[in-house]
Protein backbone atom coordinates (compact mmCIF):
# COMPACT_ATOMS: atom_id res chain seq x y z
CA MET A 1 50.83 -17.33 29.33
CA LYS A 2 52.15 -14.60 27.02
CA ARG A 3 50.54 -16.36 24.05
CA ILE A 4 47.14 -16.36 25.79
CA ILE A 5 47.39 -12.65 26.61
CA LEU A 6 48.41 -11.88 23.02
CA ALA A 7 45.46 -13.85 21.66
CA LEU A 8 43.05 -11.95 23.93
CA CYS A 9 44.52 -8.63 22.78
CA VAL A 10 43.96 -9.60 19.15
CA LEU A 11 40.33 -10.45 19.89
CA LEU A 12 39.82 -7.07 21.54
CA ILE A 13 41.43 -5.16 18.67
CA VAL A 14 39.63 -6.95 15.82
CA PRO A 15 35.86 -6.23 15.86
CA ALA A 16 33.53 -9.23 15.93
CA GLY A 17 31.75 -7.81 12.87
CA VAL A 18 28.85 -9.02 10.83
CA TYR A 19 31.07 -11.84 9.66
CA ALA A 20 29.74 -13.62 12.75
CA TYR A 21 26.99 -14.57 10.29
CA ASP A 22 28.33 -17.10 7.77
CA TRP A 23 27.92 -15.19 4.49
CA ALA A 24 30.37 -17.53 2.77
CA ALA A 25 27.91 -20.38 3.26
CA LYS A 26 25.41 -18.35 1.20
CA GLY A 27 27.89 -17.85 -1.63
CA PHE A 28 29.19 -14.37 -0.76
CA THR A 29 32.69 -13.08 -0.21
CA VAL A 30 33.39 -10.42 2.43
CA GLU A 31 35.45 -7.77 0.63
CA SER A 32 35.87 -5.29 3.49
CA GLU A 33 34.60 -4.49 6.96
CA THR A 34 34.27 -1.26 8.96
CA ALA A 35 33.15 -1.05 12.58
CA LYS A 36 31.36 2.01 13.93
CA GLY A 37 29.87 1.91 17.40
CA GLU A 38 27.75 -1.21 17.86
CA LYS A 39 27.29 -1.70 14.12
CA VAL A 40 29.56 -3.09 11.44
CA THR A 41 29.38 -2.39 7.72
CA ILE A 42 30.64 -5.01 5.32
CA VAL A 43 30.94 -5.10 1.54
CA LEU A 44 29.82 -8.38 0.03
CA LYS A 45 30.19 -9.79 -3.45
CA ASP A 46 28.45 -12.73 -5.03
CA GLY A 47 29.92 -15.21 -7.52
CA ALA A 48 29.07 -12.91 -10.43
CA GLY A 49 30.97 -10.02 -8.87
CA LYS A 50 27.88 -8.02 -7.89
CA GLY A 51 28.52 -6.09 -4.70
CA PHE A 52 26.33 -4.64 -1.96
CA THR A 53 26.79 -3.40 1.58
CA VAL A 54 25.29 -4.68 4.79
CA THR A 55 25.23 -2.69 8.02
CA GLY A 56 24.06 -4.39 11.18
CA ALA A 57 24.79 -5.93 14.53
CA ALA A 58 27.85 -8.09 14.94
CA ASP A 59 25.64 -10.96 16.05
CA MET A 60 23.10 -10.62 13.20
CA ASP A 61 20.69 -13.52 13.44
CA GLU A 62 19.37 -15.82 10.75
CA ALA A 63 15.99 -14.08 10.51
CA VAL A 64 17.44 -10.64 9.69
CA ALA A 65 20.03 -12.06 7.30
CA GLY A 66 17.22 -14.05 5.67
CA ARG A 67 15.29 -10.82 4.99
CA ILE A 68 18.37 -9.28 3.40
CA LEU A 69 18.86 -12.31 1.16
CA ALA A 70 15.16 -12.46 0.26
CA ALA A 71 15.07 -8.77 -0.71
CA ARG A 72 18.26 -9.10 -2.72
CA LYS A 73 16.86 -12.13 -4.56
CA VAL A 74 13.81 -10.06 -5.56
CA MET A 75 16.00 -7.24 -6.86
CA ASP A 76 18.34 -9.60 -8.71
CA ALA A 77 15.35 -10.75 -10.75
CA TRP A 78 14.52 -7.24 -12.00
CA GLN A 79 14.64 -6.90 -15.77
CA ASN A 80 14.02 -3.18 -16.29
CA ILE A 81 15.64 -1.75 -13.17
CA LYS A 82 19.41 -2.19 -13.05
CA ILE A 83 21.18 -1.57 -9.74
CA GLU A 84 24.32 0.53 -9.42
CA ARG A 85 24.50 0.38 -5.61
CA ALA A 86 22.45 -1.32 -2.93
CA ALA A 87 22.80 -0.92 0.83
CA PHE A 88 21.00 -3.00 3.48
CA GLU A 89 20.85 -1.77 7.07
CA GLN A 90 19.50 -3.64 10.07
CA ASN A 91 17.34 -1.61 12.46
CA ASN A 92 16.26 -4.13 15.10
CA ASP A 93 14.11 -6.62 13.14
CA VAL A 94 13.57 -4.29 10.18
CA VAL A 95 15.88 -4.16 7.18
CA ASP A 96 16.06 -0.75 5.47
CA ILE A 97 17.24 -0.85 1.87
CA THR A 98 18.60 1.95 -0.28
CA VAL A 99 18.82 1.26 -4.02
CA VAL A 100 20.57 3.54 -6.50
CA PRO A 101 19.63 2.39 -10.00
CA SER A 102 21.89 2.76 -13.01
CA GLU A 103 18.94 2.16 -15.31
CA ALA A 104 15.15 2.28 -14.96
CA SER A 105 13.19 2.19 -18.19
CA TYR A 106 9.69 0.99 -18.97
CA LYS A 107 7.51 1.09 -22.07
CA GLY A 108 9.87 3.44 -23.83
CA GLU A 109 10.22 5.93 -20.96
CA ASN A 110 13.44 6.67 -19.07
CA LEU A 111 12.25 6.71 -15.46
CA LEU A 112 15.74 7.08 -14.02
CA GLU A 113 15.80 10.85 -14.55
CA ALA A 114 12.85 11.17 -12.15
CA LEU A 115 14.60 9.20 -9.38
CA PRO A 116 17.41 11.54 -8.27
CA ALA A 117 17.51 10.16 -4.73
CA GLY A 118 17.21 6.51 -5.67
CA MET A 119 14.65 4.13 -4.17
CA TRP A 120 13.99 3.17 -0.56
CA PHE A 121 12.56 -0.15 0.68
CA SER A 122 12.02 -1.84 4.03
CA TYR A 123 11.52 -5.48 4.89
CA THR A 124 9.80 -6.96 7.93
CA ASP A 125 7.08 -9.49 7.13
CA ALA A 126 6.73 -7.99 3.64
CA LEU A 127 8.79 -5.89 1.28
CA LEU A 128 7.54 -2.28 1.30
CA TYR A 129 8.64 0.73 -0.72
CA ASN A 130 8.41 4.42 0.09
CA PHE A 131 10.41 6.91 -1.94
CA ARG A 132 10.08 10.12 -3.93
CA MET A 133 9.88 10.80 -7.65
CA THR A 134 10.51 14.23 -9.14
CA ARG A 135 8.84 15.23 -12.40
CA TYR A 136 8.09 18.73 -13.79
CA ASN A 137 9.25 20.12 -10.40
CA VAL A 138 6.51 18.09 -8.70
CA PHE A 139 7.46 15.72 -5.88
CA VAL A 140 5.47 12.49 -5.95
CA ARG A 141 5.43 9.94 -3.15
CA ILE A 142 5.61 6.33 -4.40
CA SER A 143 4.64 3.91 -1.65
CA GLY A 144 3.03 0.54 -1.12
CA GLU A 145 3.66 -3.17 -0.65
CA TYR A 146 5.89 -4.68 -3.29
CA LYS A 147 4.21 -7.31 -5.46
CA ASP A 148 6.41 -7.55 -8.52
CA GLU A 149 8.56 -5.39 -10.78
CA ALA A 150 5.77 -4.78 -13.31
CA GLU A 151 3.36 -3.44 -10.66
CA LEU A 152 6.01 -1.06 -9.33
CA LEU A 153 6.95 0.11 -12.81
CA GLU A 154 3.31 0.77 -13.72
CA LYS A 155 3.09 3.08 -10.70
CA LEU A 156 6.31 4.82 -11.65
CA LEU A 157 5.16 5.24 -15.24
CA GLU A 158 1.80 6.69 -14.16
CA ALA A 159 3.51 9.19 -11.86
CA TYR A 160 6.12 9.99 -14.53
CA LYS A 161 3.51 10.81 -17.19
CA ASN A 162 1.16 12.82 -14.98
CA PRO A 163 2.52 13.50 -11.48
CA LEU A 164 -0.32 15.83 -10.45
CA ALA A 165 -3.04 13.36 -11.38
CA TYR A 166 -1.13 10.56 -9.65
CA SER A 167 -0.86 12.57 -6.43
CA ARG A 168 -4.50 13.66 -6.49
CA LYS A 169 -5.74 10.09 -6.87
CA ARG A 170 -3.91 9.12 -3.71
CA ASP A 171 -4.59 12.23 -1.65
CA PRO A 172 -6.91 11.37 1.31
CA GLU A 173 -8.88 14.62 1.07
CA TYR A 174 -9.36 14.20 -2.67
CA LEU A 175 -10.50 10.60 -2.23
CA LEU A 176 -12.89 11.59 0.55
CA GLY A 177 -14.35 14.26 -1.72
CA ARG A 178 -14.86 11.73 -4.49
CA VAL A 179 -16.56 9.32 -2.07
CA ASN A 180 -18.91 12.10 -0.97
CA GLU A 181 -19.68 12.98 -4.59
CA LEU A 182 -20.46 9.36 -5.43
CA THR A 183 -22.61 9.00 -2.31
CA GLU A 184 -24.63 12.08 -3.24
CA ALA A 185 -25.00 10.84 -6.83
CA LEU A 186 -26.20 7.45 -5.58
CA GLU A 187 -28.76 9.07 -3.28
CA LYS A 188 -30.09 11.16 -6.17
CA LEU A 189 -30.32 8.09 -8.37
CA GLN A 190 -32.16 6.19 -5.65
CA LYS A 191 -34.64 9.03 -5.16
CA ALA A 192 -35.20 9.29 -8.90
CA SER A 193 -35.76 5.55 -9.17
CA ILE A 194 -38.38 5.63 -6.43
CA ALA A 195 -40.12 8.65 -8.01
CA ILE A 196 -40.24 6.99 -11.44
CA ALA A 197 -41.52 3.71 -10.05
CA ASN A 198 -44.10 5.54 -7.91
CA LYS A 199 -45.79 7.45 -10.73
CA GLY A 200 -49.10 6.17 -12.07
CA ALA A 201 -49.22 3.90 -15.10
CA PHE A 202 -51.03 6.57 -17.16
CA SER A 203 -49.32 9.60 -15.63
CA SER A 204 -46.21 11.44 -16.78
CA THR A 205 -45.83 13.20 -13.42
CA LEU A 206 -43.13 11.91 -11.08
CA LYS A 207 -44.17 11.33 -7.48
CA PRO A 208 -41.17 11.66 -5.18
CA LEU A 209 -41.63 10.35 -1.66
CA ASP A 210 -41.13 12.32 1.51
CA GLU A 211 -37.37 12.36 2.15
CA ARG A 212 -37.77 11.93 5.92
CA ALA A 213 -40.01 8.90 5.39
CA VAL A 214 -37.45 7.34 3.03
CA LYS A 215 -34.64 7.85 5.57
CA ASN A 216 -36.82 6.30 8.30
CA VAL A 217 -37.48 3.19 6.22
CA VAL A 218 -33.77 2.81 5.45
CA ARG A 219 -32.86 3.31 9.12
CA LEU A 220 -35.44 0.78 10.34
CA LYS A 221 -34.26 -1.82 7.83
CA LYS A 222 -30.60 -1.37 8.77
CA GLU A 223 -31.40 -1.62 12.48
CA ASN A 224 -33.49 -4.75 11.98
CA PRO A 225 -32.90 -6.59 8.67
CA LYS A 226 -35.81 -8.99 9.47
CA ILE A 227 -38.37 -6.25 10.01
CA THR A 228 -41.62 -6.68 8.05
CA VAL A 229 -43.37 -4.12 5.87
CA LYS A 230 -46.25 -4.06 8.38
CA GLU A 231 -43.87 -3.29 11.25
CA ILE A 232 -42.23 -0.53 9.19
CA GLN A 233 -45.68 0.95 8.53
CA GLN A 234 -46.53 0.98 12.22
CA SER A 235 -43.23 2.68 13.10
CA LEU A 236 -43.68 5.29 10.36
CA GLU A 237 -47.14 6.14 11.66
CA LYS A 238 -45.67 6.78 15.11
CA ASP A 239 -43.05 9.08 13.52
CA LYS A 240 -45.81 10.82 11.55
CA THR A 241 -44.23 9.86 8.22
CA PRO A 242 -46.79 7.31 7.00
CA LEU A 243 -46.31 5.35 3.77
CA GLY A 244 -48.30 2.64 2.04
CA GLU A 245 -47.05 -0.89 1.40
CA LYS A 246 -46.30 -0.07 -2.23
CA GLU A 247 -44.06 2.88 -1.33
CA ILE A 248 -42.24 0.92 1.39
CA ASN A 249 -41.62 -1.95 -1.03
CA LEU A 250 -40.24 0.53 -3.57
CA ILE A 251 -37.75 1.86 -1.01
CA LEU A 252 -36.72 -1.64 0.04
CA GLY A 253 -36.23 -2.59 -3.59
CA VAL A 254 -34.08 0.42 -4.47
CA PHE A 255 -31.94 0.50 -1.30
CA PHE A 256 -31.76 -3.17 -0.36
CA ASN A 257 -32.61 -5.04 -3.58
CA GLN A 258 -35.55 -6.62 -1.70
CA PHE A 259 -38.63 -7.21 -3.78
CA GLU A 260 -41.85 -8.75 -2.49
CA LYS A 261 -44.33 -10.39 -4.86
């Protein structure tokens, strides 16, 4: 009876730990273990002596452990980024990963100096990255879905060489402004194309069409892609923006690449 009580006491004193998952079966050795609250942090080493830490639930399941192993396999394959420390932490089904590189060079540039806080990744259904680069006192956010080392390094190199341009290209307001500029330029080009095509064969004078009539034709065509030129004419007459068949066909050609013989 005393032996049973003693065994139960030992079980209560020693935390269950992440070692409930069989890391040894995956080729890793548990070097140390520290319990804090409901989570346990262990230090693992592979056969080559490379170490990393894992923090998670004592009853970590196969799916979460699989994400940790998959992410580590990706990072083990890196050629230009060398890892000094790597820490994997389970947060429900998500694995958060902190990587502190000892080396990060690409195309002759030392990127490590611009990564003072290391690199941060997360793994659910895909490996994502979201961390900060510092260059010329400019903080640049590097984020996206991980594809391969080269794609990530190209981003880092672009931000390293010109952090302001990198940030502007990815700023929503800047991108919206560029879209608006391109839209306006396209509209001007479309109007110019119609005016050029609408001038007489022996005339050098451009004949732009009424802007409201052009917008009405475009609207009618978008609302009913099968609408005929005759039907468009009838609708334009009701809106008091009449156009001839030639002008309507010009608009359809420029905006919808529709040409009638």
